Amino acid sequence: MDTPDPKATNAGTLVEAVMSAIRQRIAARILTPGARLPSIRAFAGTMQVSKSTVVEAYERLAAEGTIRSRPGSGFFAAGPLA
């Protein structure tokens, strides 16, 4: 799946663009339930944003239940979006 350029989208903030990219990967089953998400550093490089942007996006997605955080292990997809 092509990674959208977050700076060229109308998704709002960069954080929202990163959140949208993760949601799309879950909806497309590229990230299946229980699958480990890319590391913060790796995904920041992929999306061409700062690490703090990805941290904020991952924290928001975890708060809404889209992904799960396992301290010391990373972030994991919680399941398909309804």
PDB file of N, CA and C in Angstrom:
ATOM      1  N   MET A   1       0.850  -1.174   0.000  1.00  0.00           N
ATOM      2  CA  MET A   1       0.000   0.000   0.000  1.00  0.00           C
ATOM      3  C   MET A   1       0.891   1.231   0.000  1.00  0.00           C
ATOM      4  N   ASP A   2       0.605   2.158  -0.885  1.00  0.00           N
ATOM      5  CA  ASP A   2       1.376   3.390  -0.944  1.00  0.00           C
ATOM      6  C   ASP A   2       1.110   4.219   0.297  1.00  0.00           C
ATOM      7  N   THR A   3       2.155   4.831   0.795  1.00  0.00           N
ATOM      8  CA  THR A   3       2.018   5.697   1.952  1.00  0.00           C
ATOM      9  C   THR A   3       1.709   7.099   1.467  1.00  0.00           C
ATOM     10  N   PRO A   4       0.565   7.646   1.900  1.00  0.00           N
ATOM     11  CA  PRO A   4       0.230   8.995   1.462  1.00  0.00           C
ATOM     12  C   PRO A   4       1.190  10.012   2.059  1.00  0.00           C
ATOM     13  N   ASP A   5       1.422  11.069   1.321  1.00  0.00           N
ATOM     14  CA  ASP A   5       2.249  12.159   1.828  1.00  0.00           C
ATOM     15  C   ASP A   5       1.381  12.975   2.772  1.00  0.00           C
ATOM     16  N   PRO A   6       1.651  12.930   4.085  1.00  0.00           N
ATOM     17  CA  PRO A   6       0.784  13.624   5.033  1.00  0.00           C
ATOM     18  C   PRO A   6       0.744  15.129   4.814  1.00  0.00           C
ATOM     19  N   LYS A   7       1.768  15.673   4.195  1.00  0.00           N
ATOM     20  CA  LYS A   7       1.802  17.113   3.961  1.00  0.00           C
ATOM     21  C   LYS A   7       0.945  17.514   2.761  1.00  0.00           C
ATOM     22  N   ALA A   8       0.555  16.524   1.928  1.00  0.00           N
ATOM     23  CA  ALA A   8      -0.222  16.814   0.725  1.00  0.00           C
ATOM     24  C   ALA A   8      -1.693  16.440   0.882  1.00  0.00           C
ATOM     25  N   THR A   9      -2.087  16.000   2.072  1.00  0.00           N
ATOM     26  CA  THR A   9      -3.472  15.591   2.281  1.00  0.00           C
ATOM     27  C   THR A   9      -4.265  16.709   2.932  1.00  0.00           C
ATOM     28  N   ASN A  10      -5.557  16.567   2.896  1.00  0.00           N
ATOM     29  CA  ASN A  10      -6.449  17.492   3.586  1.00  0.00           C
ATOM     30  C   ASN A  10      -6.957  16.845   4.867  1.00  0.00           C
ATOM     31  N   ALA A  11      -6.165  15.962   5.443  1.00  0.00           N
ATOM     32  CA  ALA A  11      -6.578  15.216   6.624  1.00  0.00           C
ATOM     33  C   ALA A  11      -6.563  16.069   7.886  1.00  0.00           C
ATOM     34  N   GLY A  12      -6.155  17.308   7.779  1.00  0.00           N
ATOM     35  CA  GLY A  12      -6.067  18.150   8.965  1.00  0.00           C
ATOM     36  C   GLY A  12      -4.635  18.185   9.443  1.00  0.00           C
ATOM     37  N   THR A  13      -4.434  17.789  10.681  1.00  0.00           N
ATOM     38  CA  THR A  13      -3.088  17.821  11.247  1.00  0.00           C
ATOM     39  C   THR A  13      -2.280  16.612  10.799  1.00  0.00           C
ATOM     40  N   LEU A  14      -0.982  16.697  10.992  1.00  0.00           N
ATOM     41  CA  LEU A  14      -0.121  15.559  10.679  1.00  0.00           C
ATOM     42  C   LEU A  14      -0.472  14.364  11.552  1.00  0.00           C
ATOM     43  N   VAL A  15      -0.832  14.617  12.807  1.00  0.00           N
ATOM     44  CA  VAL A  15      -1.232  13.528  13.704  1.00  0.00           C
ATOM     45  C   VAL A  15      -2.443  12.805  13.124  1.00  0.00           C
ATOM     46  N   GLU A  16      -3.425  13.564  12.645  1.00  0.00           N
ATOM     47  CA  GLU A  16      -4.616  12.949  12.054  1.00  0.00           C
ATOM     48  C   GLU A  16      -4.271  12.166  10.793  1.00  0.00           C
ATOM     49  N   ALA A  17      -3.297  12.641  10.017  1.00  0.00           N
ATOM     50  CA  ALA A  17      -2.871  11.921   8.818  1.00  0.00           C
ATOM     51  C   ALA A  17      -2.235  10.581   9.184  1.00  0.00           C
ATOM     52  N   VAL A  18      -1.418  10.571  10.229  1.00  0.00           N
ATOM     53  CA  VAL A  18      -0.796   9.326  10.684  1.00  0.00           C
ATOM     54  C   VAL A  18      -1.873   8.375  11.213  1.00  0.00           C
ATOM     55  N   MET A  19      -2.808   8.907  11.988  1.00  0.00           N
ATOM     56  CA  MET A  19      -3.902   8.075  12.504  1.00  0.00           C
ATOM     57  C   MET A  19      -4.698   7.471  11.352  1.00  0.00           C
ATOM     58  N   SER A  20      -4.982   8.258  10.344  1.00  0.00           N
ATOM     59  CA  SER A  20      -5.730   7.787   9.184  1.00  0.00           C
ATOM     60  C   SER A  20      -4.971   6.680   8.458  1.00  0.00           C
ATOM     61  N   ALA A  21      -3.662   6.828   8.318  1.00  0.00           N
ATOM     62  CA  ALA A  21      -2.852   5.809   7.647  1.00  0.00           C
ATOM     63  C   ALA A  21      -2.916   4.480   8.397  1.00  0.00           C
ATOM     64  N   ILE A  22      -2.855   4.521   9.720  1.00  0.00           N
ATOM     65  CA  ILE A  22      -2.948   3.289  10.514  1.00  0.00           C
ATOM     66  C   ILE A  22      -4.342   2.684  10.389  1.00  0.00           C
ATOM     67  N   ARG A  23      -5.373   3.521  10.495  1.00  0.00           N
ATOM     68  CA  ARG A  23      -6.746   3.018  10.356  1.00  0.00           C
ATOM     69  C   ARG A  23      -6.952   2.352   8.995  1.00  0.00           C
ATOM     70  N   GLN A  24      -6.416   2.949   7.941  1.00  0.00           N
ATOM     71  CA  GLN A  24      -6.549   2.381   6.598  1.00  0.00           C
ATOM     72  C   GLN A  24      -5.857   1.029   6.513  1.00  0.00           C
ATOM     73  N   ARG A  25      -4.702   0.900   7.121  1.00  0.00           N
ATOM     74  CA  ARG A  25      -3.981  -0.380   7.101  1.00  0.00           C
ATOM     75  C   ARG A  25      -4.734  -1.456   7.873  1.00  0.00           C
ATOM     76  N   ILE A  26      -5.403  -1.066   8.946  1.00  0.00           N
ATOM     77  CA  ILE A  26      -6.200  -2.030   9.708  1.00  0.00           C
ATOM     78  C   ILE A  26      -7.438  -2.419   8.904  1.00  0.00           C
ATOM     79  N   ALA A  27      -8.125  -1.434   8.326  1.00  0.00           N
ATOM     80  CA  ALA A  27      -9.333  -1.701   7.536  1.00  0.00           C
ATOM     81  C   ALA A  27      -9.022  -2.577   6.325  1.00  0.00           C
ATOM     82  N   ALA A  28      -7.858  -2.385   5.712  1.00  0.00           N
ATOM     83  CA  ALA A  28      -7.459  -3.165   4.541  1.00  0.00           C
ATOM     84  C   ALA A  28      -6.850  -4.511   4.935  1.00  0.00           C
ATOM     85  N   ARG A  29      -6.779  -4.774   6.230  1.00  0.00           N
ATOM     86  CA  ARG A  29      -6.234  -6.012   6.784  1.00  0.00           C
ATOM     87  C   ARG A  29      -4.747  -6.181   6.470  1.00  0.00           C
ATOM     88  N   ILE A  30      -4.073  -5.067   6.204  1.00  0.00           N
ATOM     89  CA  ILE A  30      -2.619  -5.097   6.095  1.00  0.00           C
ATOM     90  C   ILE A  30      -2.052  -5.315   7.491  1.00  0.00           C
ATOM     91  N   LEU A  31      -2.704  -4.694   8.474  1.00  0.00           N
ATOM     92  CA  LEU A  31      -2.414  -4.946   9.892  1.00  0.00           C
ATOM     93  C   LEU A  31      -3.590  -5.738  10.443  1.00  0.00           C
ATOM     94  N   THR A  32      -3.375  -7.003  10.718  1.00  0.00           N
ATOM     95  CA  THR A  32      -4.435  -7.859  11.242  1.00  0.00           C
ATOM     96  C   THR A  32      -4.471  -7.770  12.765  1.00  0.00           C
ATOM     97  N   PRO A  33      -5.572  -8.186  13.388  1.00  0.00           N
ATOM     98  CA  PRO A  33      -5.647  -8.132  14.852  1.00  0.00           C
ATOM     99  C   PRO A  33      -4.445  -8.830  15.497  1.00  0.00           C
ATOM    100  N   GLY A  34      -3.813  -8.126  16.398  1.00  0.00           N
ATOM    101  CA  GLY A  34      -2.641  -8.658  17.086  1.00  0.00           C
ATOM    102  C   GLY A  34      -1.325  -8.374  16.385  1.00  0.00           C
ATOM    103  N   ALA A  35      -1.390  -7.845  15.158  1.00  0.00           N
ATOM    104  CA  ALA A  35      -0.158  -7.543  14.415  1.00  0.00           C
ATOM    105  C   ALA A  35       0.558  -6.358  15.051  1.00  0.00           C
ATOM    106  N   ARG A  36       1.869  -6.451  15.078  1.00  0.00           N
ATOM    107  CA  ARG A  36       2.683  -5.374  15.647  1.00  0.00           C
ATOM    108  C   ARG A  36       2.770  -4.229  14.653  1.00  0.00           C
ATOM    109  N   LEU A  37       2.532  -3.025  15.137  1.00  0.00           N
ATOM    110  CA  LEU A  37       2.668  -1.836  14.305  1.00  0.00           C
ATOM    111  C   LEU A  37       4.143  -1.517  14.113  1.00  0.00           C
ATOM    112  N   PRO A  38       4.458  -0.757  13.065  1.00  0.00           N
ATOM    113  CA  PRO A  38       5.855  -0.338  12.890  1.00  0.00           C
ATOM    114  C   PRO A  38       6.322   0.461  14.110  1.00  0.00           C
ATOM    115  N   SER A  39       7.611   0.401  14.372  1.00  0.00           N
ATOM    116  CA  SER A  39       8.144   1.186  15.483  1.00  0.00           C
ATOM    117  C   SER A  39       7.885   2.664  15.230  1.00  0.00           C
ATOM    118  N   ILE A  40       7.898   3.425  16.296  1.00  0.00           N
ATOM    119  CA  ILE A  40       7.672   4.870  16.174  1.00  0.00           C
ATOM    120  C   ILE A  40       8.697   5.488  15.232  1.00  0.00           C
ATOM    121  N   ARG A  41       9.939   5.136  15.398  1.00  0.00           N
ATOM    122  CA  ARG A  41      10.998   5.697  14.552  1.00  0.00           C
ATOM    123  C   ARG A  41      10.813   5.287  13.090  1.00  0.00           C
ATOM    124  N   ALA A  42      10.515   4.017  12.852  1.00  0.00           N
ATOM    125  CA  ALA A  42      10.344   3.540  11.476  1.00  0.00           C
ATOM    126  C   ALA A  42       9.145   4.194  10.802  1.00  0.00           C
ATOM    127  N   PHE A  43       8.027   4.298  11.527  1.00  0.00           N
ATOM    128  CA  PHE A  43       6.833   4.869  10.915  1.00  0.00           C
ATOM    129  C   PHE A  43       6.990   6.370  10.704  1.00  0.00           C
ATOM    130  N   ALA A  44       7.727   7.034  11.591  1.00  0.00           N
ATOM    131  CA  ALA A  44       8.011   8.459  11.391  1.00  0.00           C
ATOM    132  C   ALA A  44       8.795   8.650  10.097  1.00  0.00           C
ATOM    133  N   GLY A  45       9.741   7.765   9.836  1.00  0.00           N
ATOM    134  CA  GLY A  45      10.502   7.835   8.590  1.00  0.00           C
ATOM    135  C   GLY A  45       9.639   7.553   7.378  1.00  0.00           C
ATOM    136  N   THR A  46       8.779   6.557   7.477  1.00  0.00           N
ATOM    137  CA  THR A  46       7.874   6.215   6.379  1.00  0.00           C
ATOM    138  C   THR A  46       6.940   7.364   6.044  1.00  0.00           C
ATOM    139  N   MET A  47       6.385   7.978   7.080  1.00  0.00           N
ATOM    140  CA  MET A  47       5.413   9.060   6.890  1.00  0.00           C
ATOM    141  C   MET A  47       6.076  10.428   6.726  1.00  0.00           C
ATOM    142  N   GLN A  48       7.385  10.478   6.919  1.00  0.00           N
ATOM    143  CA  GLN A  48       8.149  11.727   6.824  1.00  0.00           C
ATOM    144  C   GLN A  48       7.625  12.791   7.789  1.00  0.00           C
ATOM    145  N   VAL A  49       7.425  12.360   9.040  1.00  0.00           N
ATOM    146  CA  VAL A  49       6.997  13.251  10.115  1.00  0.00           C
ATOM    147  C   VAL A  49       7.920  13.026  11.307  1.00  0.00           C
ATOM    148  N   SER A  50       7.785  13.839  12.336  1.00  0.00           N
ATOM    149  CA  SER A  50       8.626  13.677  13.522  1.00  0.00           C
ATOM    150  C   SER A  50       8.143  12.499  14.364  1.00  0.00           C
ATOM    151  N   LYS A  51       9.049  11.992  15.195  1.00  0.00           N
ATOM    152  CA  LYS A  51       8.683  10.899  16.094  1.00  0.00           C
ATOM    153  C   LYS A  51       7.576  11.323  17.047  1.00  0.00           C
ATOM    154  N   SER A  52       7.604  12.576  17.498  1.00  0.00           N
ATOM    155  CA  SER A  52       6.569  13.036  18.431  1.00  0.00           C
ATOM    156  C   SER A  52       5.184  13.019  17.779  1.00  0.00           C
ATOM    157  N   THR A  53       5.115  13.228  16.479  1.00  0.00           N
ATOM    158  CA  THR A  53       3.838  13.158  15.759  1.00  0.00           C
ATOM    159  C   THR A  53       3.297  11.734  15.797  1.00  0.00           C
ATOM    160  N   VAL A  54       4.164  10.759  15.563  1.00  0.00           N
ATOM    161  CA  VAL A  54       3.744   9.354  15.588  1.00  0.00           C
ATOM    162  C   VAL A  54       3.380   8.935  17.010  1.00  0.00           C
ATOM    163  N   VAL A  55       4.139   9.386  17.999  1.00  0.00           N
ATOM    164  CA  VAL A  55       3.820   9.079  19.396  1.00  0.00           C
ATOM    165  C   VAL A  55       2.416   9.572  19.725  1.00  0.00           C
ATOM    166  N   GLU A  56       2.122  10.810  19.368  1.00  0.00           N
ATOM    167  CA  GLU A  56       0.795  11.382  19.634  1.00  0.00           C
ATOM    168  C   GLU A  56      -0.295  10.587  18.917  1.00  0.00           C
ATOM    169  N   ALA A  57      -0.057  10.224  17.661  1.00  0.00           N
ATOM    170  CA  ALA A  57      -1.045   9.454  16.898  1.00  0.00           C
ATOM    171  C   ALA A  57      -1.269   8.083  17.533  1.00  0.00           C
ATOM    172  N   TYR A  58      -0.199   7.387  17.890  1.00  0.00           N
ATOM    173  CA  TYR A  58      -0.327   6.071  18.510  1.00  0.00           C
ATOM    174  C   TYR A  58      -1.060   6.178  19.849  1.00  0.00           C
ATOM    175  N   GLU A  59      -0.751   7.201  20.637  1.00  0.00           N
ATOM    176  CA  GLU A  59      -1.428   7.371  21.929  1.00  0.00           C
ATOM    177  C   GLU A  59      -2.922   7.623  21.740  1.00  0.00           C
ATOM    178  N   ARG A  60      -3.278   8.430  20.752  1.00  0.00           N
ATOM    179  CA  ARG A  60      -4.702   8.691  20.487  1.00  0.00           C
ATOM    180  C   ARG A  60      -5.411   7.435  19.995  1.00  0.00           C
ATOM    181  N   LEU A  61      -4.756   6.678  19.117  1.00  0.00           N
ATOM    182  CA  LEU A  61      -5.357   5.440  18.618  1.00  0.00           C
ATOM    183  C   LEU A  61      -5.522   4.422  19.748  1.00  0.00           C
ATOM    184  N   ALA A  62      -4.575   4.388  20.668  1.00  0.00           N
ATOM    185  CA  ALA A  62      -4.687   3.489  21.820  1.00  0.00           C
ATOM    186  C   ALA A  62      -5.837   3.923  22.720  1.00  0.00           C
ATOM    187  N   ALA A  63      -5.994   5.227  22.912  1.00  0.00           N
ATOM    188  CA  ALA A  63      -7.072   5.741  23.764  1.00  0.00           C
ATOM    189  C   ALA A  63      -8.443   5.414  23.190  1.00  0.00           C
ATOM    190  N   GLU A  64      -8.558   5.387  21.874  1.00  0.00           N
ATOM    191  CA  GLU A  64      -9.854   5.077  21.259  1.00  0.00           C
ATOM    192  C   GLU A  64     -10.051   3.579  21.043  1.00  0.00           C
ATOM    193  N   GLY A  65      -9.036   2.770  21.340  1.00  0.00           N
ATOM    194  CA  GLY A  65      -9.181   1.321  21.250  1.00  0.00           C
ATOM    195  C   GLY A  65      -8.842   0.716  19.902  1.00  0.00           C
ATOM    196  N   THR A  66      -8.322   1.506  18.987  1.00  0.00           N
ATOM    197  CA  THR A  66      -7.964   0.998  17.664  1.00  0.00           C
ATOM    198  C   THR A  66      -6.705   0.144  17.726  1.00  0.00           C
ATOM    199  N   ILE A  67      -5.776   0.537  18.582  1.00  0.00           N
ATOM    200  CA  ILE A  67      -4.554  -0.230  18.790  1.00  0.00           C
ATOM    201  C   ILE A  67      -4.361  -0.436  20.287  1.00  0.00           C
ATOM    202  N   ARG A  68      -3.480  -1.350  20.635  1.00  0.00           N
ATOM    203  CA  ARG A  68      -3.157  -1.627  22.035  1.00  0.00           C
ATOM    204  C   ARG A  68      -1.668  -1.380  22.255  1.00  0.00           C
ATOM    205  N   SER A  69      -1.360  -0.823  23.406  1.00  0.00           N
ATOM    206  CA  SER A  69       0.022  -0.591  23.790  1.00  0.00           C
ATOM    207  C   SER A  69       0.461  -1.693  24.743  1.00  0.00           C
ATOM    208  N   ARG A  70       1.625  -2.268  24.475  1.00  0.00           N
ATOM    209  CA  ARG A  70       2.230  -3.220  25.399  1.00  0.00           C
ATOM    210  C   ARG A  70       3.588  -2.639  25.777  1.00  0.00           C
ATOM    211  N   PRO A  71       3.672  -2.041  26.974  1.00  0.00           N
ATOM    212  CA  PRO A  71       4.932  -1.409  27.383  1.00  0.00           C
ATOM    213  C   PRO A  71       6.120  -2.355  27.230  1.00  0.00           C
ATOM    214  N   GLY A  72       7.150  -1.864  26.584  1.00  0.00           N
ATOM    215  CA  GLY A  72       8.347  -2.652  26.351  1.00  0.00           C
ATOM    216  C   GLY A  72       8.282  -3.524  25.115  1.00  0.00           C
ATOM    217  N   SER A  73       7.075  -3.656  24.530  1.00  0.00           N
ATOM    218  CA  SER A  73       6.910  -4.502  23.351  1.00  0.00           C
ATOM    219  C   SER A  73       6.477  -3.738  22.116  1.00  0.00           C
ATOM    220  N   GLY A  74       5.779  -2.629  22.293  1.00  0.00           N
ATOM    221  CA  GLY A  74       5.325  -1.843  21.152  1.00  0.00           C
ATOM    222  C   GLY A  74       3.826  -1.688  21.114  1.00  0.00           C
ATOM    223  N   PHE A  75       3.331  -1.398  19.923  1.00  0.00           N
ATOM    224  CA  PHE A  75       1.903  -1.196  19.706  1.00  0.00           C
ATOM    225  C   PHE A  75       1.395  -2.273  18.762  1.00  0.00           C
ATOM    226  N   PHE A  76       0.141  -2.698  18.990  1.00  0.00           N
ATOM    227  CA  PHE A  76      -0.441  -3.795  18.231  1.00  0.00           C
ATOM    228  C   PHE A  76      -1.854  -3.443  17.794  1.00  0.00           C
ATOM    229  N   ALA A  77      -2.246  -3.919  16.613  1.00  0.00           N
ATOM    230  CA  ALA A  77      -3.597  -3.682  16.102  1.00  0.00           C
ATOM    231  C   ALA A  77      -4.597  -4.404  16.988  1.00  0.00           C
ATOM    232  N   ALA A  78      -5.670  -3.698  17.352  1.00  0.00           N
ATOM    233  CA  ALA A  78      -6.682  -4.291  18.223  1.00  0.00           C
ATOM    234  C   ALA A  78      -7.685  -5.114  17.434  1.00  0.00           C
ATOM    235  N   GLY A  79      -7.971  -4.732  16.213  1.00  0.00           N
ATOM    236  CA  GLY A  79      -8.938  -5.467  15.411  1.00  0.00           C
ATOM    237  C   GLY A  79      -9.499  -4.599  14.311  1.00  0.00           C
ATOM    238  N   PRO A  80     -10.337  -5.194  13.455  1.00  0.00           N
ATOM    239  CA  PRO A  80     -10.898  -4.421  12.348  1.00  0.00           C
ATOM    240  C   PRO A  80     -11.841  -3.340  12.848  1.00  0.00           C
ATOM    241  N   LEU A  81     -11.886  -2.246  12.112  1.00  0.00           N
ATOM    242  CA  LEU A  81     -12.786  -1.156  12.465  1.00  0.00           C
ATOM    243  C   LEU A  81     -14.184  -1.491  11.995  1.00  0.00           C
ATOM    244  N   ALA A  82     -15.171  -1.113  12.789  1.00  0.00           N
ATOM    245  CA  ALA A  82     -16.563  -1.402  12.439  1.00  0.00           C
ATOM    246  C   ALA A  82     -17.076  -0.433  11.406  1.00  0.00           C
TER     247      ALA A  82
END
